[in-house]
Amino acid sequence: MFHAKCSDPTSGTTFAVLNGFDPSKYKTCAGAAKGFHKSLKAYAKKAGYNTDYGPILRSPSEEVEYTGSKCWSVTWEEGPYEWGICTSFDVTGDWGYAEPYYSFDLHFASK
């Protein structure tokens, strides 16, 4: 089971992201991004965030218009400080890996 721990340097708060997401279960970037988004949204709701506006899942055709990158992405601007950076180190599998574009999102890339 995937359980990234991140720390907010401004508040000193440690938070856990994506309890229940297992990147090794997926064969494609699309599957991993969709599974990640589902887990992140569940985490956000449980943590008391308003999930009406995020996290957001974008397909490659949507993301290319947003950042210029043609890949699957998950964006959550309202999330904990730099969640995308500390989480990205553990989001990898046979399908590829995830890397932050900004500190509040992840792009899913093939190997």
PDB file of N, CA and C in Angstrom:
ATOM      1  N   MET A   1       0.848  -1.182   0.000  1.00  0.00           N
ATOM      2  CA  MET A   1       0.000   0.000   0.000  1.00  0.00           C
ATOM      3  C   MET A   1       0.889   1.240   0.000  1.00  0.00           C
ATOM      4  N   PHE A   2       0.502   2.236  -0.766  1.00  0.00           N
ATOM      5  CA  PHE A   2       1.256   3.472  -0.908  1.00  0.00           C
ATOM      6  C   PHE A   2       0.841   4.457   0.172  1.00  0.00           C
ATOM      7  N   HIS A   3       1.804   5.082   0.820  1.00  0.00           N
ATOM      8  CA  HIS A   3       1.493   6.024   1.896  1.00  0.00           C
ATOM      9  C   HIS A   3       2.619   7.044   1.982  1.00  0.00           C
ATOM     10  N   ALA A   4       2.545   8.098   1.199  1.00  0.00           N
ATOM     11  CA  ALA A   4       3.589   9.125   1.208  1.00  0.00           C
ATOM     12  C   ALA A   4       3.393  10.044   2.403  1.00  0.00           C
ATOM     13  N   LYS A   5       4.463  10.354   3.082  1.00  0.00           N
ATOM     14  CA  LYS A   5       4.403  11.321   4.181  1.00  0.00           C
ATOM     15  C   LYS A   5       5.134  12.572   3.742  1.00  0.00           C
ATOM     16  N   CYS A   6       4.469  13.689   3.904  1.00  0.00           N
ATOM     17  CA  CYS A   6       5.022  14.970   3.508  1.00  0.00           C
ATOM     18  C   CYS A   6       4.968  15.905   4.705  1.00  0.00           C
ATOM     19  N   SER A   7       5.845  16.900   4.716  1.00  0.00           N
ATOM     20  CA  SER A   7       5.839  17.888   5.795  1.00  0.00           C
ATOM     21  C   SER A   7       5.697  19.280   5.224  1.00  0.00           C
ATOM     22  N   ASP A   8       4.890  20.086   5.875  1.00  0.00           N
ATOM     23  CA  ASP A   8       4.716  21.482   5.502  1.00  0.00           C
ATOM     24  C   ASP A   8       5.746  22.290   6.292  1.00  0.00           C
ATOM     25  N   PRO A   9       6.754  22.874   5.632  1.00  0.00           N
ATOM     26  CA  PRO A   9       7.806  23.578   6.361  1.00  0.00           C
ATOM     27  C   PRO A   9       7.332  24.840   7.078  1.00  0.00           C
ATOM     28  N   THR A  10       6.223  25.429   6.620  1.00  0.00           N
ATOM     29  CA  THR A  10       5.746  26.643   7.269  1.00  0.00           C
ATOM     30  C   THR A  10       5.021  26.349   8.569  1.00  0.00           C
ATOM     31  N   SER A  11       4.311  25.217   8.623  1.00  0.00           N
ATOM     32  CA  SER A  11       3.556  24.899   9.845  1.00  0.00           C
ATOM     33  C   SER A  11       4.174  23.751  10.629  1.00  0.00           C
ATOM     34  N   GLY A  12       5.069  22.986   9.978  1.00  0.00           N
ATOM     35  CA  GLY A  12       5.646  21.829  10.644  1.00  0.00           C
ATOM     36  C   GLY A  12       4.724  20.629  10.662  1.00  0.00           C
ATOM     37  N   THR A  13       3.565  20.748  10.041  1.00  0.00           N
ATOM     38  CA  THR A  13       2.582  19.669  10.018  1.00  0.00           C
ATOM     39  C   THR A  13       3.029  18.563   9.076  1.00  0.00           C
ATOM     40  N   THR A  14       2.907  17.323   9.528  1.00  0.00           N
ATOM     41  CA  THR A  14       3.166  16.174   8.671  1.00  0.00           C
ATOM     42  C   THR A  14       1.828  15.625   8.232  1.00  0.00           C
ATOM     43  N   PHE A  15       1.698  15.312   6.960  1.00  0.00           N
ATOM     44  CA  PHE A  15       0.433  14.779   6.457  1.00  0.00           C
ATOM     45  C   PHE A  15       0.718  13.585   5.571  1.00  0.00           C
ATOM     46  N   ALA A  16      -0.227  12.676   5.548  1.00  0.00           N
ATOM     47  CA  ALA A  16      -0.098  11.473   4.722  1.00  0.00           C
ATOM     48  C   ALA A  16      -1.020  11.611   3.524  1.00  0.00           C
ATOM     49  N   VAL A  17      -0.515  11.273   2.367  1.00  0.00           N
ATOM     50  CA  VAL A  17      -1.285  11.396   1.135  1.00  0.00           C
ATOM     51  C   VAL A  17      -1.490  10.018   0.514  1.00  0.00           C
ATOM     52  N   LEU A  18      -2.680   9.763   0.064  1.00  0.00           N
ATOM     53  CA  LEU A  18      -2.991   8.621  -0.779  1.00  0.00           C
ATOM     54  C   LEU A  18      -2.885   7.256  -0.124  1.00  0.00           C
ATOM     55  N   ASN A  19      -3.347   7.145   1.071  1.00  0.00           N
ATOM     56  CA  ASN A  19      -3.410   5.839   1.706  1.00  0.00           C
ATOM     57  C   ASN A  19      -4.346   4.968   0.871  1.00  0.00           C
ATOM     58  N   GLY A  20      -3.837   3.865   0.377  1.00  0.00           N
ATOM     59  CA  GLY A  20      -4.654   2.971  -0.438  1.00  0.00           C
ATOM     60  C   GLY A  20      -4.283   2.960  -1.911  1.00  0.00           C
ATOM     61  N   PHE A  21      -3.496   3.926  -2.383  1.00  0.00           N
ATOM     62  CA  PHE A  21      -3.071   3.933  -3.784  1.00  0.00           C
ATOM     63  C   PHE A  21      -1.837   3.054  -3.927  1.00  0.00           C
ATOM     64  N   ASP A  22      -1.898   2.113  -4.853  1.00  0.00           N
ATOM     65  CA  ASP A  22      -0.775   1.209  -5.098  1.00  0.00           C
ATOM     66  C   ASP A  22      -0.354   1.338  -6.554  1.00  0.00           C
ATOM     67  N   PRO A  23       0.717   2.093  -6.841  1.00  0.00           N
ATOM     68  CA  PRO A  23       1.114   2.331  -8.232  1.00  0.00           C
ATOM     69  C   PRO A  23       1.504   1.066  -8.989  1.00  0.00           C
ATOM     70  N   SER A  24       1.866   0.008  -8.276  1.00  0.00           N
ATOM     71  CA  SER A  24       2.280  -1.230  -8.953  1.00  0.00           C
ATOM     72  C   SER A  24       1.105  -1.984  -9.574  1.00  0.00           C
ATOM     73  N   LYS A  25      -0.119  -1.595  -9.249  1.00  0.00           N
ATOM     74  CA  LYS A  25      -1.310  -2.258  -9.793  1.00  0.00           C
ATOM     75  C   LYS A  25      -1.603  -1.873 -11.239  1.00  0.00           C
ATOM     76  N   TYR A  26      -0.976  -0.825 -11.747  1.00  0.00           N
ATOM     77  CA  TYR A  26      -1.363  -0.258 -13.032  1.00  0.00           C
ATOM     78  C   TYR A  26      -0.390  -0.624 -14.142  1.00  0.00           C
ATOM     79  N   LYS A  27      -0.907  -0.718 -15.361  1.00  0.00           N
ATOM     80  CA  LYS A  27      -0.111  -1.069 -16.542  1.00  0.00           C
ATOM     81  C   LYS A  27       0.132   0.129 -17.458  1.00  0.00           C
ATOM     82  N   THR A  28      -0.685   1.200 -17.303  1.00  0.00           N
ATOM     83  CA  THR A  28      -0.576   2.365 -18.181  1.00  0.00           C
ATOM     84  C   THR A  28      -0.561   3.655 -17.362  1.00  0.00           C
ATOM     85  N   CYS A  29      -0.069   4.716 -17.981  1.00  0.00           N
ATOM     86  CA  CYS A  29      -0.113   6.037 -17.339  1.00  0.00           C
ATOM     87  C   CYS A  29      -1.554   6.463 -17.082  1.00  0.00           C
ATOM     88  N   ALA A  30      -2.431   6.177 -18.024  1.00  0.00           N
ATOM     89  CA  ALA A  30      -3.847   6.547 -17.869  1.00  0.00           C
ATOM     90  C   ALA A  30      -4.436   5.873 -16.647  1.00  0.00           C
ATOM     91  N   GLY A  31      -4.213   4.578 -16.493  1.00  0.00           N
ATOM     92  CA  GLY A  31      -4.740   3.852 -15.342  1.00  0.00           C
ATOM     93  C   GLY A  31      -4.174   4.368 -14.043  1.00  0.00           C
ATOM     94  N   ALA A  32      -2.855   4.620 -14.007  1.00  0.00           N
ATOM     95  CA  ALA A  32      -2.213   5.131 -12.793  1.00  0.00           C
ATOM     96  C   ALA A  32      -2.749   6.518 -12.434  1.00  0.00           C
ATOM     97  N   ALA A  33      -2.889   7.394 -13.420  1.00  0.00           N
ATOM     98  CA  ALA A  33      -3.397   8.746 -13.164  1.00  0.00           C
ATOM     99  C   ALA A  33      -4.827   8.705 -12.642  1.00  0.00           C
ATOM    100  N   LYS A  34      -5.655   7.861 -13.226  1.00  0.00           N
ATOM    101  CA  LYS A  34      -7.055   7.753 -12.775  1.00  0.00           C
ATOM    102  C   LYS A  34      -7.134   7.180 -11.371  1.00  0.00           C
ATOM    103  N   GLY A  35      -6.318   6.160 -11.081  1.00  0.00           N
ATOM    104  CA  GLY A  35      -6.299   5.589  -9.738  1.00  0.00           C
ATOM    105  C   GLY A  35      -5.772   6.569  -8.708  1.00  0.00           C
ATOM    106  N   PHE A  36      -4.727   7.301  -9.084  1.00  0.00           N
ATOM    107  CA  PHE A  36      -4.144   8.321  -8.210  1.00  0.00           C
ATOM    108  C   PHE A  36      -5.169   9.411  -7.911  1.00  0.00           C
ATOM    109  N   HIS A  37      -5.845   9.880  -8.953  1.00  0.00           N
ATOM    110  CA  HIS A  37      -6.861  10.923  -8.788  1.00  0.00           C
ATOM    111  C   HIS A  37      -7.964  10.471  -7.843  1.00  0.00           C
ATOM    112  N   LYS A  38      -8.431   9.251  -8.008  1.00  0.00           N
ATOM    113  CA  LYS A  38      -9.493   8.715  -7.147  1.00  0.00           C
ATOM    114  C   LYS A  38      -9.041   8.686  -5.683  1.00  0.00           C
ATOM    115  N   SER A  39      -7.822   8.224  -5.442  1.00  0.00           N
ATOM    116  CA  SER A  39      -7.295   8.167  -4.074  1.00  0.00           C
ATOM    117  C   SER A  39      -7.070   9.558  -3.503  1.00  0.00           C
ATOM    118  N   LEU A  40      -6.532  10.470  -4.316  1.00  0.00           N
ATOM    119  CA  LEU A  40      -6.275  11.831  -3.849  1.00  0.00           C
ATOM    120  C   LEU A  40      -7.580  12.547  -3.514  1.00  0.00           C
ATOM    121  N   LYS A  41      -8.593  12.347  -4.334  1.00  0.00           N
ATOM    122  CA  LYS A  41      -9.889  12.975  -4.080  1.00  0.00           C
ATOM    123  C   LYS A  41     -10.494  12.443  -2.773  1.00  0.00           C
ATOM    124  N   ALA A  42     -10.367  11.131  -2.535  1.00  0.00           N
ATOM    125  CA  ALA A  42     -10.862  10.542  -1.286  1.00  0.00           C
ATOM    126  C   ALA A  42     -10.108  11.113  -0.091  1.00  0.00           C
ATOM    127  N   TYR A  43      -8.779  11.259  -0.238  1.00  0.00           N
ATOM    128  CA  TYR A  43      -7.974  11.860   0.831  1.00  0.00           C
ATOM    129  C   TYR A  43      -8.416  13.294   1.096  1.00  0.00           C
ATOM    130  N   ALA A  44      -8.613  14.072   0.041  1.00  0.00           N
ATOM    131  CA  ALA A  44      -9.008  15.477   0.182  1.00  0.00           C
ATOM    132  C   ALA A  44     -10.336  15.600   0.908  1.00  0.00           C
ATOM    133  N   LYS A  45     -11.274  14.755   0.538  1.00  0.00           N
ATOM    134  CA  LYS A  45     -12.590  14.793   1.176  1.00  0.00           C
ATOM    135  C   LYS A  45     -12.474  14.436   2.654  1.00  0.00           C
ATOM    136  N   LYS A  46     -11.721  13.385   2.952  1.00  0.00           N
ATOM    137  CA  LYS A  46     -11.540  12.946   4.340  1.00  0.00           C
ATOM    138  C   LYS A  46     -10.830  14.017   5.174  1.00  0.00           C
ATOM    139  N   ALA A  47      -9.906  14.750   4.558  1.00  0.00           N
ATOM    140  CA  ALA A  47      -9.147  15.783   5.256  1.00  0.00           C
ATOM    141  C   ALA A  47      -9.923  17.101   5.388  1.00  0.00           C
ATOM    142  N   GLY A  48     -11.132  17.157   4.821  1.00  0.00           N
ATOM    143  CA  GLY A  48     -11.975  18.336   4.981  1.00  0.00           C
ATOM    144  C   GLY A  48     -11.850  19.389   3.900  1.00  0.00           C
ATOM    145  N   TYR A  49     -11.188  19.063   2.806  1.00  0.00           N
ATOM    146  CA  TYR A  49     -11.087  20.008   1.688  1.00  0.00           C
ATOM    147  C   TYR A  49     -12.367  19.987   0.864  1.00  0.00           C
ATOM    148  N   ASN A  50     -12.681  21.103   0.210  1.00  0.00           N
ATOM    149  CA  ASN A  50     -13.803  21.177  -0.711  1.00  0.00           C
ATOM    150  C   ASN A  50     -13.360  20.534  -2.017  1.00  0.00           C
ATOM    151  N   THR A  51     -13.950  19.403  -2.371  1.00  0.00           N
ATOM    152  CA  THR A  51     -13.529  18.673  -3.572  1.00  0.00           C
ATOM    153  C   THR A  51     -14.341  19.040  -4.816  1.00  0.00           C
ATOM    154  N   ASP A  52     -15.134  20.091  -4.741  1.00  0.00           N
ATOM    155  CA  ASP A  52     -15.890  20.531  -5.917  1.00  0.00           C
ATOM    156  C   ASP A  52     -14.967  21.039  -7.024  1.00  0.00           C
ATOM    157  N   TYR A  53     -13.802  21.582  -6.646  1.00  0.00           N
ATOM    158  CA  TYR A  53     -12.893  22.189  -7.620  1.00  0.00           C
ATOM    159  C   TYR A  53     -11.543  21.482  -7.717  1.00  0.00           C
ATOM    160  N   GLY A  54     -11.373  20.400  -7.051  1.00  0.00           N
ATOM    161  CA  GLY A  54     -10.103  19.695  -7.122  1.00  0.00           C
ATOM    162  C   GLY A  54     -10.073  18.569  -6.119  1.00  0.00           C
ATOM    163  N   PRO A  55      -9.208  17.662  -6.323  1.00  0.00           N
ATOM    164  CA  PRO A  55      -8.213  17.519  -7.370  1.00  0.00           C
ATOM    165  C   PRO A  55      -8.838  17.327  -8.757  1.00  0.00           C
ATOM    166  N   ILE A  56      -8.087  17.719  -9.762  1.00  0.00           N
ATOM    167  CA  ILE A  56      -8.548  17.666 -11.151  1.00  0.00           C
ATOM    168  C   ILE A  56      -7.721  16.655 -11.929  1.00  0.00           C
ATOM    169  N   LEU A  57      -8.387  15.809 -12.689  1.00  0.00           N
ATOM    170  CA  LEU A  57      -7.735  14.859 -13.585  1.00  0.00           C
ATOM    171  C   LEU A  57      -7.827  15.423 -14.997  1.00  0.00           C
ATOM    172  N   ARG A  58      -6.682  15.473 -15.691  1.00  0.00           N
ATOM    173  CA  ARG A  58      -6.684  15.943 -17.074  1.00  0.00           C
ATOM    174  C   ARG A  58      -6.099  14.878 -17.991  1.00  0.00           C
ATOM    175  N   SER A  59      -6.764  14.669 -19.119  1.00  0.00           N
ATOM    176  CA  SER A  59      -6.260  13.759 -20.158  1.00  0.00           C
ATOM    177  C   SER A  59      -5.138  14.475 -20.911  1.00  0.00           C
ATOM    178  N   PRO A  60      -4.364  13.747 -21.714  1.00  0.00           N
ATOM    179  CA  PRO A  60      -3.307  14.407 -22.495  1.00  0.00           C
ATOM    180  C   PRO A  60      -3.824  15.534 -23.386  1.00  0.00           C
ATOM    181  N   SER A  61      -4.987  15.366 -23.994  1.00  0.00           N
ATOM    182  CA  SER A  61      -5.505  16.425 -24.862  1.00  0.00           C
ATOM    183  C   SER A  61      -5.927  17.666 -24.063  1.00  0.00           C
ATOM    184  N   GLU A  62      -6.333  17.486 -22.824  1.00  0.00           N
ATOM    185  CA  GLU A  62      -6.667  18.634 -21.965  1.00  0.00           C
ATOM    186  C   GLU A  62      -5.400  19.277 -21.401  1.00  0.00           C
ATOM    187  N   GLU A  63      -4.448  18.455 -20.968  1.00  0.00           N
ATOM    188  CA  GLU A  63      -3.227  18.975 -20.341  1.00  0.00           C
ATOM    189  C   GLU A  63      -2.356  19.749 -21.317  1.00  0.00           C
ATOM    190  N   VAL A  64      -2.332  19.348 -22.571  1.00  0.00           N
ATOM    191  CA  VAL A  64      -1.515  20.054 -23.550  1.00  0.00           C
ATOM    192  C   VAL A  64      -1.987  21.498 -23.706  1.00  0.00           C
ATOM    193  N   GLU A  65      -3.263  21.746 -23.508  1.00  0.00           N
ATOM    194  CA  GLU A  65      -3.783  23.116 -23.577  1.00  0.00           C
ATOM    195  C   GLU A  65      -3.481  23.901 -22.307  1.00  0.00           C
ATOM    196  N   TYR A  66      -3.303  23.211 -21.190  1.00  0.00           N
ATOM    197  CA  TYR A  66      -3.064  23.855 -19.894  1.00  0.00           C
ATOM    198  C   TYR A  66      -1.582  24.171 -19.688  1.00  0.00           C
ATOM    199  N   THR A  67      -0.698  23.198 -19.959  1.00  0.00           N
ATOM    200  CA  THR A  67       0.737  23.389 -19.699  1.00  0.00           C
ATOM    201  C   THR A  67       1.613  23.209 -20.935  1.00  0.00           C
ATOM    202  N   GLY A  68       1.054  22.665 -22.008  1.00  0.00           N
ATOM    203  CA  GLY A  68       1.854  22.363 -23.183  1.00  0.00           C
ATOM    204  C   GLY A  68       2.412  20.947 -23.176  1.00  0.00           C
ATOM    205  N   SER A  69       2.206  20.219 -22.084  1.00  0.00           N
ATOM    206  CA  SER A  69       2.672  18.835 -21.973  1.00  0.00           C
ATOM    207  C   SER A  69       1.551  17.885 -22.340  1.00  0.00           C
ATOM    208  N   LYS A  70       1.823  16.937 -23.213  1.00  0.00           N
ATOM    209  CA  LYS A  70       0.799  15.989 -23.641  1.00  0.00           C
ATOM    210  C   LYS A  70       0.927  14.716 -22.796  1.00  0.00           C
ATOM    211  N   CYS A  71       0.304  14.744 -21.615  1.00  0.00           N
ATOM    212  CA  CYS A  71       0.382  13.620 -20.684  1.00  0.00           C
ATOM    213  C   CYS A  71      -0.845  13.655 -19.763  1.00  0.00           C
ATOM    214  N   TRP A  72      -1.058  12.567 -19.055  1.00  0.00           N
ATOM    215  CA  TRP A  72      -2.084  12.541 -18.025  1.00  0.00           C
ATOM    216  C   TRP A  72      -1.572  13.344 -16.840  1.00  0.00           C
ATOM    217  N   SER A  73      -2.453  14.070 -16.162  1.00  0.00           N
ATOM    218  CA  SER A  73      -2.015  14.849 -15.000  1.00  0.00           C
ATOM    219  C   SER A  73      -3.105  14.903 -13.938  1.00  0.00           C
ATOM    220  N   VAL A  74      -2.656  15.139 -12.724  1.00  0.00           N
ATOM    221  CA  VAL A  74      -3.542  15.377 -11.586  1.00  0.00           C
ATOM    222  C   VAL A  74      -3.070  16.670 -10.935  1.00  0.00           C
ATOM    223  N   THR A  75      -3.978  17.626 -10.806  1.00  0.00           N
ATOM    224  CA  THR A  75      -3.664  18.938 -10.237  1.00  0.00           C
ATOM    225  C   THR A  75      -4.540  19.169  -9.009  1.00  0.00           C
ATOM    226  N   TRP A  76      -3.922  19.703  -7.954  1.00  0.00           N
ATOM    227  CA  TRP A  76      -4.667  20.043  -6.730  1.00  0.00           C
ATOM    228  C   TRP A  76      -4.016  21.262  -6.095  1.00  0.00           C
ATOM    229  N   GLU A  77      -4.413  22.435  -6.573  1.00  0.00           N
ATOM    230  CA  GLU A  77      -3.813  23.684  -6.102  1.00  0.00           C
ATOM    231  C   GLU A  77      -4.141  23.991  -4.654  1.00  0.00           C
ATOM    232  N   GLU A  78      -5.274  23.521  -4.160  1.00  0.00           N
ATOM    233  CA  GLU A  78      -5.681  23.807  -2.784  1.00  0.00           C
ATOM    234  C   GLU A  78      -5.081  22.839  -1.767  1.00  0.00           C
ATOM    235  N   GLY A  79      -4.328  21.860  -2.234  1.00  0.00           N
ATOM    236  CA  GLY A  79      -3.806  20.816  -1.351  1.00  0.00           C
ATOM    237  C   GLY A  79      -2.700  21.302  -0.429  1.00  0.00           C
ATOM    238  N   PRO A  80      -2.192  20.401   0.417  1.00  0.00           N
ATOM    239  CA  PRO A  80      -1.099  20.745   1.333  1.00  0.00           C
ATOM    240  C   PRO A  80       0.130  21.248   0.587  1.00  0.00           C
ATOM    241  N   TYR A  81       0.908  22.061   1.244  1.00  0.00           N
ATOM    242  CA  TYR A  81       2.084  22.706   0.674  1.00  0.00           C
ATOM    243  C   TYR A  81       3.002  21.691  -0.010  1.00  0.00           C
ATOM    244  N   GLU A  82       3.271  21.898  -1.286  1.00  0.00           N
ATOM    245  CA  GLU A  82       4.179  21.102  -2.102  1.00  0.00           C
ATOM    246  C   GLU A  82       3.906  19.594  -2.068  1.00  0.00           C
ATOM    247  N   TRP A  83       2.634  19.204  -1.975  1.00  0.00           N
ATOM    248  CA  TRP A  83       2.286  17.786  -1.919  1.00  0.00           C
ATOM    249  C   TRP A  83       2.802  17.032  -3.143  1.00  0.00           C
ATOM    250  N   GLY A  84       2.815  17.673  -4.295  1.00  0.00           N
ATOM    251  CA  GLY A  84       3.222  17.002  -5.522  1.00  0.00           C
ATOM    252  C   GLY A  84       4.690  16.614  -5.535  1.00  0.00           C
ATOM    253  N   ILE A  85       5.513  17.421  -4.899  1.00  0.00           N
ATOM    254  CA  ILE A  85       6.947  17.137  -4.888  1.00  0.00           C
ATOM    255  C   ILE A  85       7.261  15.917  -4.033  1.00  0.00           C
ATOM    256  N   CYS A  86       6.816  15.918  -2.790  1.00  0.00           N
ATOM    257  CA  CYS A  86       7.163  14.792  -1.921  1.00  0.00           C
ATOM    258  C   CYS A  86       6.439  13.511  -2.325  1.00  0.00           C
ATOM    259  N   THR A  87       5.273  13.620  -2.921  1.00  0.00           N
ATOM    260  CA  THR A  87       4.525  12.438  -3.336  1.00  0.00           C
ATOM    261  C   THR A  87       5.135  11.799  -4.572  1.00  0.00           C
ATOM    262  N   SER A  88       5.702  12.612  -5.450  1.00  0.00           N
ATOM    263  CA  SER A  88       6.180  12.107  -6.742  1.00  0.00           C
ATOM    264  C   SER A  88       7.253  11.032  -6.613  1.00  0.00           C
ATOM    265  N   PHE A  89       8.043  11.063  -5.571  1.00  0.00           N
ATOM    266  CA  PHE A  89       9.143  10.105  -5.421  1.00  0.00           C
ATOM    267  C   PHE A  89       8.657   8.661  -5.338  1.00  0.00           C
ATOM    268  N   ASP A  90       7.430   8.456  -4.890  1.00  0.00           N
ATOM    269  CA  ASP A  90       6.908   7.106  -4.692  1.00  0.00           C
ATOM    270  C   ASP A  90       5.885   6.677  -5.733  1.00  0.00           C
ATOM    271  N   VAL A  91       5.553   7.542  -6.683  1.00  0.00           N
ATOM    272  CA  VAL A  91       4.549   7.198  -7.690  1.00  0.00           C
ATOM    273  C   VAL A  91       5.276   6.732  -8.945  1.00  0.00           C
ATOM    274  N   THR A  92       5.562   5.441  -8.979  1.00  0.00           N
ATOM    275  CA  THR A  92       6.293   4.836 -10.082  1.00  0.00           C
ATOM    276  C   THR A  92       5.887   3.371 -10.213  1.00  0.00           C
ATOM    277  N   GLY A  93       6.007   2.844 -11.403  1.00  0.00           N
ATOM    278  CA  GLY A  93       5.647   1.448 -11.640  1.00  0.00           C
ATOM    279  C   GLY A  93       6.096   1.030 -13.031  1.00  0.00           C
ATOM    280  N   ASP A  94       5.670  -0.155 -13.448  1.00  0.00           N
ATOM    281  CA  ASP A  94       6.017  -0.635 -14.791  1.00  0.00           C
ATOM    282  C   ASP A  94       5.485   0.298 -15.879  1.00  0.00           C
ATOM    283  N   TRP A  95       4.432   1.039 -15.588  1.00  0.00           N
ATOM    284  CA  TRP A  95       3.807   1.960 -16.530  1.00  0.00           C
ATOM    285  C   TRP A  95       4.655   3.207 -16.754  1.00  0.00           C
ATOM    286  N   GLY A  96       5.481   3.586 -15.777  1.00  0.00           N
ATOM    287  CA  GLY A  96       6.270   4.801 -15.874  1.00  0.00           C
ATOM    288  C   GLY A  96       6.458   5.449 -14.516  1.00  0.00           C
ATOM    289  N   TYR A  97       6.336   6.758 -14.478  1.00  0.00           N
ATOM    290  CA  TYR A  97       6.565   7.504 -13.245  1.00  0.00           C
ATOM    291  C   TYR A  97       5.764   8.805 -13.270  1.00  0.00           C
ATOM    292  N   ALA A  98       5.662   9.441 -12.111  1.00  0.00           N
ATOM    293  CA  ALA A  98       5.006  10.740 -12.020  1.00  0.00           C
ATOM    294  C   ALA A  98       6.040  11.770 -11.581  1.00  0.00           C
ATOM    295  N   GLU A  99       5.919  12.966 -12.144  1.00  0.00           N
ATOM    296  CA  GLU A  99       6.809  14.043 -11.732  1.00  0.00           C
ATOM    297  C   GLU A  99       6.011  15.335 -11.644  1.00  0.00           C
ATOM    298  N   PRO A 100       6.395  16.218 -10.718  1.00  0.00           N
ATOM    299  CA  PRO A 100       5.643  17.470 -10.592  1.00  0.00           C
ATOM    300  C   PRO A 100       5.943  18.431 -11.743  1.00  0.00           C
ATOM    301  N   TYR A 101       4.927  19.137 -12.177  1.00  0.00           N
ATOM    302  CA  TYR A 101       5.112  20.240 -13.116  1.00  0.00           C
ATOM    303  C   TYR A 101       5.304  21.503 -12.276  1.00  0.00           C
ATOM    304  N   TYR A 102       4.355  21.715 -11.371  1.00  0.00           N
ATOM    305  CA  TYR A 102       4.485  22.686 -10.292  1.00  0.00           C
ATOM    306  C   TYR A 102       4.533  21.862  -9.010  1.00  0.00           C
ATOM    307  N   SER A 103       4.486  22.474  -7.875  1.00  0.00           N
ATOM    308  CA  SER A 103       4.532  21.722  -6.614  1.00  0.00           C
ATOM    309  C   SER A 103       3.163  21.176  -6.223  1.00  0.00           C
ATOM    310  N   PHE A 104       2.125  21.508  -6.986  1.00  0.00           N
ATOM    311  CA  PHE A 104       0.767  21.098  -6.653  1.00  0.00           C
ATOM    312  C   PHE A 104       0.129  20.215  -7.722  1.00  0.00           C
ATOM    313  N   ASP A 105       0.956  19.540  -8.517  1.00  0.00           N
ATOM    314  CA  ASP A 105       0.411  18.635  -9.528  1.00  0.00           C
ATOM    315  C   ASP A 105       1.439  17.574  -9.898  1.00  0.00           C
ATOM    316  N   LEU A 106       0.964  16.540 -10.566  1.00  0.00           N
ATOM    317  CA  LEU A 106       1.834  15.485 -11.061  1.00  0.00           C
ATOM    318  C   LEU A 106       1.504  15.178 -12.506  1.00  0.00           C
ATOM    319  N   HIS A 107       2.539  15.002 -13.316  1.00  0.00           N
ATOM    320  CA  HIS A 107       2.391  14.537 -14.688  1.00  0.00           C
ATOM    321  C   HIS A 107       2.820  13.070 -14.720  1.00  0.00           C
ATOM    322  N   PHE A 108       2.059  12.265 -15.424  1.00  0.00           N
ATOM    323  CA  PHE A 108       2.320  10.831 -15.506  1.00  0.00           C
ATOM    324  C   PHE A 108       2.993  10.532 -16.839  1.00  0.00           C
ATOM    325  N   ALA A 109       4.215  10.002 -16.783  1.00  0.00           N
ATOM    326  CA  ALA A 109       5.026   9.790 -17.978  1.00  0.00           C
ATOM    327  C   ALA A 109       5.386   8.323 -18.149  1.00  0.00           C
ATOM    328  N   SER A 110       5.437   7.870 -19.400  1.00  0.00           N
ATOM    329  CA  SER A 110       5.865   6.506 -19.709  1.00  0.00           C
ATOM    330  C   SER A 110       7.375   6.398 -19.569  1.00  0.00           C
ATOM    331  N   LYS A 111       7.851   5.189 -19.321  1.00  0.00           N
ATOM    332  CA  LYS A 111       9.309   4.967 -19.246  1.00  0.00           C
ATOM    333  C   LYS A 111       9.906   5.013 -20.636  1.00  0.00           C
TER     334      LYS A 111
END
